[in-house]
Every structure is written in structure tokens, then in C-alpha cells.
Amino acid sequence: MVKTPAYLKKGDTVAIVSTARKISKETIEPALHLLEKWGLKYVLGETIGAEENQFAGSDALRKKDFQNMMDDPSISAIWCAKGGYGTVRMLDGLDFSEFVKNPKWIVGYSDVTVLHSHIHTLGIETLHAQICENIEKKSEEARRTLYASLFGENASLNYISEKHSGNKFGTAEGQLVGGNLSILYSLCGSASAIDTRGKILFIEDLDEYLYHVDRMMLNLKRNGMLKNLAGLIVGGMTTMHDSKIPFGKTAEEIITDAISEYNYPVCFNFPAGHIDDNRALIFGRKIKLEISEKIELKYL
């Protein structure tokens, strides 16, 4: 049975931490103003403004900061300020025992996929959504769906997406899981790897070489993560790179090749990922995915 953290209400407190790269308070001021506009309070973790090379303080500091916010009963949600790289360095050693008893929303994407995946193995929903950084530059839908997800306005979270030539028509139901392809690939074989059987997998990525996208998709395939899906959703595959000798396929074509022998429905260009229209997705929640001339995602 999957647990849903308590939805927020006005007056609740959101913790802001960085589990990966360093970030200043000034950079996240727009996110803080947004929380205030929504009637929420916030508390800044010790990692905001902390620095150790590219990280938001040492691994020990980032771990302590996240642990404190998980265990603090006055905190209703933890919003990650920045991605990049580093969350996996502070994951091992975290104690989720109190969090499992009293779950709260963990919000972020990209490198935060480490937390989404690990917490999914604990049977708790998380929120794949825009980090604090650049929230003011994202679409109105990115902000609206973040609000609706946090406050439990699920009726307004049914999405309609554009058709794509690579889409495979059909209807699927299952738990929504996934996140950043590079992170999912890096977690294969670890205790944080997700079981994708019977689930609808979402993937997205940024700034990768095409040959590496092929390597990652084949790794997921060889690990059995693509075989028994109920469906596949591909978000932004943003700013892909090619080698001097061209790979010969786009990221979408690479993904299509990797799943060519499977018959589940697939949609591309879903509005989530490293794009301006980065809409919030509740991971662990059961959804219905209908792919025809239009794509509809409905929470069940």
C-alpha cells in the first residue's frame, strides 16, 4: 500500500535544502516569495549558502540538513533548491524510519531522482517538480501544477499533451515512477533502484551525448526495467549532443529502438523535465494513460 503524504494547507511550513550543488539565498528569493503568496511559511536549511567546492557544503552537512528536515514534525514538505550532482553522496546513512511513519512531500527533479527512487522503494509518494531555482522562469502551468499537487487539488492535474510521430497508441494503468534517465541508470543494481514491473515509467534528460543515451537505454533494458512496463512517458530530451562521427539517430529514435519489441503504449514530448513547461508529476500515484491522436494522463 502506497502512502500519500498529508497535503499542505495555508500556514504550513516548507523546508528549503540543497542535497547537491551550492546555491545562495538570493538565487531562490523568487521561490520564497511564491511560497508566501501561497500562504505558506518556509525555513532555510543549513545547506542554503553553504559551500564545499561545487557542493552545498560537505556530504555530512547535506545529510544532516536533510535528516533534520525529515524528522522535524513542524515541516510539512521539503523542497530541493538545486540539482546538479551530489544527492547520491549523502543518501547512504540517512535514517528514513521516522519519515516512513510520518511522510512529507519531497519535491524536486533531475538529481533529486535519487530521492524519488529510494523513497519509492519505501512505498511513499513523492513530487517530481521544479526545484526552487528558476521557478520564476518556468511556465505558469509548472507553478500551478506544483501548487495543485501540494494542496491536493487532484482534479486539476489531468494533463493533455501534443501528439508525436513516435507515439504508440493504447491505454495503460499503473503507478507512475521514474525521473532523470542518467540517475535511473546510475542507480541500477543498488538498493535504490526501482521495480518497474506493471508501472508507467517516465524518463527525461539534459545535456547528454546520443551514444550515452543509447548506452543508458540498453542498460535499463538489460536490467529488465523496460520489459514489463505498463507504459512509457518520455519528457524533455533537452540539449542532446552528437559526436564528431554522428551517432545517426535522435534521442527519441534511440528510445524507440530500445523498446521496439514491447507492445505497451508510449508517448514522447510530455511536458515535464528540463524544459520551461516542467509540470509536476506525483510519483507512486496510480494513473491512467491514454495515447491516441491526443495524450491524456489522469490520476486515479
Protein backbone atom coordinates (compact mmCIF):
# COMPACT_ATOMS: atom_id res chain seq x y z
CA MET A 1 0.00 0.00 0.00
CA VAL A 2 1.49 3.33 -1.09
CA LYS A 3 1.38 6.17 1.41
CA THR A 4 0.39 9.70 0.38
CA PRO A 5 1.96 12.46 2.48
CA ALA A 6 -0.50 14.92 4.01
CA TYR A 7 -1.49 17.68 1.61
CA LEU A 8 -0.47 21.19 2.58
CA LYS A 9 -2.73 23.87 3.97
CA LYS A 10 -2.15 27.56 4.43
CA GLY A 11 0.17 28.24 7.34
CA ASP A 12 2.20 25.06 6.86
CA THR A 13 6.00 25.23 6.72
CA VAL A 14 8.18 24.13 3.78
CA ALA A 15 11.87 23.41 4.31
CA ILE A 16 14.32 24.51 1.63
CA VAL A 17 17.51 22.46 1.35
CA SER A 18 20.12 21.63 -1.25
CA THR A 19 21.09 17.97 -1.49
CA ALA A 20 23.53 18.57 -4.33
CA ARG A 21 25.11 21.77 -5.66
CA LYS A 22 25.63 25.01 -3.81
CA ILE A 23 23.11 27.81 -4.09
CA SER A 24 22.64 31.21 -2.47
CA LYS A 25 19.57 32.54 -0.72
CA GLU A 26 19.45 35.38 -3.25
CA THR A 27 19.04 32.89 -6.09
CA ILE A 28 15.95 31.35 -4.54
CA GLU A 29 14.22 34.57 -3.43
CA PRO A 30 11.51 34.17 -6.13
CA ALA A 31 10.70 30.70 -4.79
CA LEU A 32 10.42 32.09 -1.26
CA HIS A 33 8.08 34.84 -2.46
CA LEU A 34 5.98 32.21 -4.23
CA LEU A 35 5.59 30.19 -1.03
CA GLU A 36 4.49 33.33 0.81
CA LYS A 37 1.99 34.08 -1.96
CA TRP A 38 0.56 30.59 -1.45
CA GLY A 39 0.12 31.28 2.27
CA LEU A 40 2.99 29.02 3.34
CA LYS A 41 5.92 29.58 5.69
CA TYR A 42 9.45 28.45 4.95
CA VAL A 43 12.62 27.61 6.79
CA LEU A 44 16.05 27.58 5.15
CA GLY A 45 18.32 24.64 5.80
CA GLU A 46 21.99 24.98 6.69
CA THR A 47 22.87 23.97 3.14
CA ILE A 48 21.48 27.17 1.64
CA GLY A 49 24.54 29.37 1.20
CA ALA A 50 26.93 26.62 2.30
CA GLU A 51 29.87 25.78 0.06
CA GLU A 52 32.37 22.99 -0.44
CA ASN A 53 33.73 23.09 -3.98
CA GLN A 54 30.65 22.62 -6.18
CA PHE A 55 28.52 21.18 -3.37
CA ALA A 56 26.16 22.85 -0.88
CA GLY A 57 28.51 22.04 1.96
CA SER A 58 30.07 18.71 2.83
CA ASP A 59 28.32 15.38 2.36
CA ALA A 60 27.93 15.23 6.14
CA LEU A 61 26.29 18.67 6.27
CA ARG A 62 23.88 17.90 3.42
CA LYS A 63 22.95 14.61 5.06
CA LYS A 64 22.41 16.23 8.47
CA ASP A 65 20.34 19.04 6.95
CA PHE A 66 18.05 16.66 5.08
CA GLN A 67 17.75 14.32 8.08
CA ASN A 68 16.78 17.19 10.38
CA MET A 69 14.07 18.35 7.99
CA MET A 70 12.70 14.82 7.57
CA ASP A 71 12.50 14.33 11.34
CA ASP A 72 11.12 17.78 12.24
CA PRO A 73 7.35 17.42 12.82
CA SER A 74 6.80 21.13 12.11
CA ILE A 75 7.93 20.66 8.48
CA SER A 76 5.22 19.63 6.01
CA ALA A 77 7.31 19.42 2.81
CA ILE A 78 10.95 19.53 1.73
CA TRP A 79 11.63 21.48 -1.47
CA CYS A 80 15.05 20.90 -3.00
CA ALA A 81 16.67 24.16 -4.07
CA LYS A 82 19.02 22.87 -6.77
CA GLY A 83 20.03 19.77 -8.68
CA GLY A 84 23.29 19.12 -10.48
CA TYR A 85 25.13 16.27 -8.81
CA GLY A 86 25.63 15.15 -5.24
CA THR A 87 22.41 13.72 -3.78
CA VAL A 88 23.67 10.15 -4.05
CA ARG A 89 26.74 11.10 -1.97
CA MET A 90 24.54 11.88 1.05
CA LEU A 91 21.91 9.16 0.62
CA ASP A 92 23.53 6.24 2.40
CA GLY A 93 23.26 6.60 6.15
CA LEU A 94 20.02 8.59 6.09
CA ASP A 95 17.50 7.20 8.57
CA PHE A 96 14.04 7.06 7.00
CA SER A 97 12.34 5.35 9.96
CA GLU A 98 10.58 8.50 11.22
CA PHE A 99 9.83 9.62 7.67
CA VAL A 100 8.10 6.31 6.87
CA LYS A 101 5.84 6.74 9.92
CA ASN A 102 5.13 10.41 9.14
CA PRO A 103 5.85 11.03 5.43
CA LYS A 104 6.03 14.51 3.96
CA TRP A 105 6.31 15.70 0.37
CA ILE A 106 9.80 15.61 -1.15
CA VAL A 107 9.85 18.00 -4.12
CA GLY A 108 12.37 18.33 -6.96
CA TYR A 109 13.61 16.73 -10.15
CA SER A 110 16.84 15.98 -12.03
CA ASP A 111 19.41 14.87 -9.40
CA VAL A 112 16.55 14.61 -6.89
CA THR A 113 15.56 11.46 -8.81
CA VAL A 114 17.92 9.74 -6.34
CA LEU A 115 15.44 10.54 -3.56
CA HIS A 116 12.35 9.78 -5.66
CA SER A 117 13.71 6.33 -6.49
CA HIS A 118 14.86 5.47 -2.98
CA ILE A 119 11.65 6.68 -1.36
CA HIS A 120 9.59 4.77 -3.92
CA THR A 121 11.16 1.57 -2.57
CA LEU A 122 9.75 2.60 0.84
CA GLY A 123 6.21 2.84 -0.58
CA ILE A 124 5.72 6.61 -0.31
CA GLU A 125 4.64 9.11 -2.96
CA THR A 126 6.96 11.97 -3.95
CA LEU A 127 6.62 15.01 -6.18
CA HIS A 128 8.67 15.31 -9.37
CA ALA A 129 8.51 19.06 -9.96
CA GLN A 130 10.57 22.18 -10.48
CA ILE A 131 13.31 22.88 -7.93
CA CYS A 132 13.43 26.30 -6.26
CA GLU A 133 15.99 27.62 -8.73
CA ASN A 134 14.42 29.30 -11.76
CA ILE A 135 10.83 28.66 -10.65
CA GLU A 136 10.02 32.21 -11.76
CA LYS A 137 11.26 31.44 -15.30
CA LYS A 138 9.12 28.35 -15.76
CA SER A 139 5.62 28.21 -17.25
CA GLU A 140 2.52 29.16 -15.32
CA GLU A 141 1.47 25.50 -15.62
CA ALA A 142 4.70 24.40 -13.94
CA ARG A 143 3.86 26.57 -10.93
CA ARG A 144 0.13 25.78 -10.97
CA THR A 145 0.62 22.02 -11.06
CA LEU A 146 3.18 22.25 -8.25
CA TYR A 147 0.62 24.11 -6.14
CA ALA A 148 -2.21 21.74 -7.06
CA SER A 149 -0.10 18.67 -6.24
CA LEU A 150 0.97 20.03 -2.84
CA PHE A 151 -2.52 21.18 -1.88
CA GLY A 152 -4.34 18.09 -3.12
CA GLU A 153 -6.25 19.69 -5.98
CA ASN A 154 -6.01 16.45 -7.96
CA ALA A 155 -8.96 17.19 -10.24
CA SER A 156 -6.88 19.89 -11.95
CA LEU A 157 -3.94 17.56 -12.60
CA ASN A 158 -5.24 15.69 -15.65
CA TYR A 159 -2.87 16.54 -18.50
CA ILE A 160 -3.36 16.66 -22.24
CA SER A 161 -0.20 16.57 -24.36
CA GLU A 162 0.66 17.05 -28.01
CA LYS A 163 0.85 14.12 -30.42
CA HIS A 164 4.24 12.92 -31.68
CA SER A 165 5.17 10.75 -34.63
CA GLY A 166 6.90 8.24 -32.34
CA ASN A 167 3.88 7.71 -30.08
CA LYS A 168 2.47 4.20 -29.74
CA PHE A 169 -1.30 4.25 -29.26
CA GLY A 170 -3.02 2.45 -26.40
CA THR A 171 -4.28 2.73 -22.83
CA ALA A 172 -2.34 1.88 -19.68
CA GLU A 173 -2.91 2.00 -15.94
CA GLY A 174 -0.26 1.75 -13.27
CA GLN A 175 1.89 3.55 -10.74
CA LEU A 176 3.86 6.45 -12.18
CA VAL A 177 7.61 6.13 -11.48
CA GLY A 178 10.92 7.34 -12.92
CA GLY A 179 12.69 10.65 -13.35
CA ASN A 180 16.03 11.56 -14.86
CA LEU A 181 17.36 8.83 -17.17
CA SER A 182 21.00 9.34 -16.16
CA ILE A 183 20.12 8.96 -12.49
CA LEU A 184 17.94 5.89 -13.04
CA TYR A 185 20.84 4.36 -14.99
CA SER A 186 23.30 5.17 -12.20
CA LEU A 187 21.10 3.52 -9.57
CA CYS A 188 20.79 0.18 -11.38
CA GLY A 189 21.88 -2.66 -9.11
CA SER A 190 21.63 -0.57 -5.93
CA ALA A 191 19.11 -0.69 -3.11
CA SER A 192 17.58 2.49 -4.56
CA ALA A 193 16.76 1.02 -7.98
CA ILE A 194 13.03 0.94 -8.69
CA ASP A 195 10.96 -2.09 -9.60
CA THR A 196 9.21 -1.01 -12.83
CA ARG A 197 7.08 -4.12 -13.40
CA GLY A 198 3.49 -3.19 -14.23
CA LYS A 199 4.25 0.52 -13.79
CA ILE A 200 4.30 3.52 -16.10
CA LEU A 201 7.85 4.81 -16.44
CA PHE A 202 8.63 8.49 -17.01
CA ILE A 203 12.09 9.48 -18.27
CA GLU A 204 13.75 12.77 -19.22
CA ASP A 205 17.29 14.07 -19.56
CA LEU A 206 19.53 17.01 -20.35
CA ASP A 207 22.90 17.67 -21.94
CA GLU A 208 23.79 14.09 -22.87
CA TYR A 209 25.63 12.62 -25.85
CA LEU A 210 23.40 10.49 -28.06
CA TYR A 211 25.64 7.44 -27.78
CA HIS A 212 25.32 7.68 -23.99
CA VAL A 213 21.52 7.81 -24.25
CA ASP A 214 21.81 4.56 -26.20
CA ARG A 215 24.08 3.08 -23.53
CA MET A 216 21.66 4.05 -20.76
CA MET A 217 18.58 2.71 -22.53
CA LEU A 218 20.32 -0.59 -23.24
CA ASN A 219 21.39 -0.79 -19.60
CA LEU A 220 17.79 -0.32 -18.45
CA LYS A 221 16.70 -2.92 -20.97
CA ARG A 222 19.33 -5.46 -19.86
CA ASN A 223 18.31 -4.85 -16.24
CA GLY A 224 14.72 -5.78 -17.14
CA MET A 225 13.40 -2.29 -16.42
CA LEU A 226 11.77 -1.84 -19.84
CA LYS A 227 10.35 -5.32 -20.43
CA ASN A 228 7.24 -5.42 -18.23
CA LEU A 229 6.16 -1.79 -18.19
CA ALA A 230 2.50 -0.84 -18.44
CA GLY A 231 3.54 2.23 -20.43
CA LEU A 232 6.34 4.72 -21.10
CA ILE A 233 6.27 8.52 -20.95
CA VAL A 234 9.20 10.46 -22.39
CA GLY A 235 9.53 14.08 -21.31
CA GLY A 236 12.10 16.60 -22.47
CA MET A 237 15.24 15.16 -24.00
CA THR A 238 16.87 18.54 -23.94
CA THR A 239 20.12 19.83 -25.50
CA MET A 240 21.37 16.48 -26.76
CA HIS A 241 24.89 16.32 -28.25
CA ASP A 242 26.42 14.31 -31.06
CA SER A 243 29.97 13.12 -31.57
CA LYS A 244 32.28 14.14 -34.40
CA ILE A 245 31.18 10.97 -36.17
CA PRO A 246 27.35 11.22 -35.96
CA PHE A 247 25.50 8.56 -34.00
CA GLY A 248 22.81 8.56 -36.66
CA LYS A 249 19.69 8.67 -34.50
CA THR A 250 17.87 11.21 -32.37
CA ALA A 251 17.26 10.56 -28.69
CA GLU A 252 13.65 9.71 -29.48
CA GLU A 253 14.73 7.20 -32.14
CA ILE A 254 17.20 5.62 -29.72
CA ILE A 255 14.43 5.16 -27.15
CA THR A 256 12.08 3.76 -29.80
CA ASP A 257 14.70 1.20 -30.83
CA ALA A 258 15.29 0.09 -27.24
CA ILE A 259 11.59 -0.69 -26.70
CA SER A 260 10.73 -1.87 -30.23
CA GLU A 261 9.95 -5.44 -29.17
CA TYR A 262 7.48 -4.36 -26.48
CA ASN A 263 3.80 -3.54 -27.05
CA TYR A 264 2.89 -1.07 -24.33
CA PRO A 265 1.74 2.49 -25.13
CA VAL A 266 4.42 5.18 -25.43
CA CYS A 267 4.30 8.97 -25.67
CA PHE A 268 7.05 11.48 -26.41
CA ASN A 269 7.44 15.21 -25.70
CA PHE A 270 5.44 15.08 -22.49
CA PRO A 271 5.57 18.48 -20.72
CA ALA A 272 7.99 17.64 -17.89
CA GLY A 273 11.76 17.67 -17.46
CA HIS A 274 14.48 20.22 -18.20
CA ILE A 275 12.09 22.43 -20.14
CA ASP A 276 10.20 25.64 -19.40
CA ASP A 277 6.89 23.76 -19.09
CA ASN A 278 8.08 21.42 -16.33
CA ARG A 279 4.78 20.22 -14.93
CA ALA A 280 4.54 18.43 -11.61
CA LEU A 281 4.08 14.64 -11.52
CA ILE A 282 3.17 12.62 -8.44
CA PHE A 283 5.43 9.58 -8.40
CA GLY A 284 3.96 6.46 -6.83
CA ARG A 285 0.39 7.56 -7.70
CA LYS A 286 -1.70 5.32 -9.96
CA ILE A 287 -2.51 6.94 -13.28
CA LYS A 288 -4.39 6.16 -16.48
CA LEU A 289 -2.50 6.98 -19.67
CA GLU A 290 -4.47 7.17 -22.93
CA ILE A 291 -2.48 7.68 -26.12
CA SER A 292 -4.28 8.27 -29.41
CA GLU A 293 -4.37 11.42 -31.53
CA LYS A 294 -4.05 13.20 -28.20
CA ILE A 295 -2.40 12.09 -24.98
CA GLU A 296 -4.27 12.19 -21.66
CA LEU A 297 -2.79 11.48 -18.23
CA LYS A 298 -5.33 11.11 -15.43
CA TYR A 299 -4.72 10.41 -11.76
CA LEU A 300 -6.82 7.59 -10.35
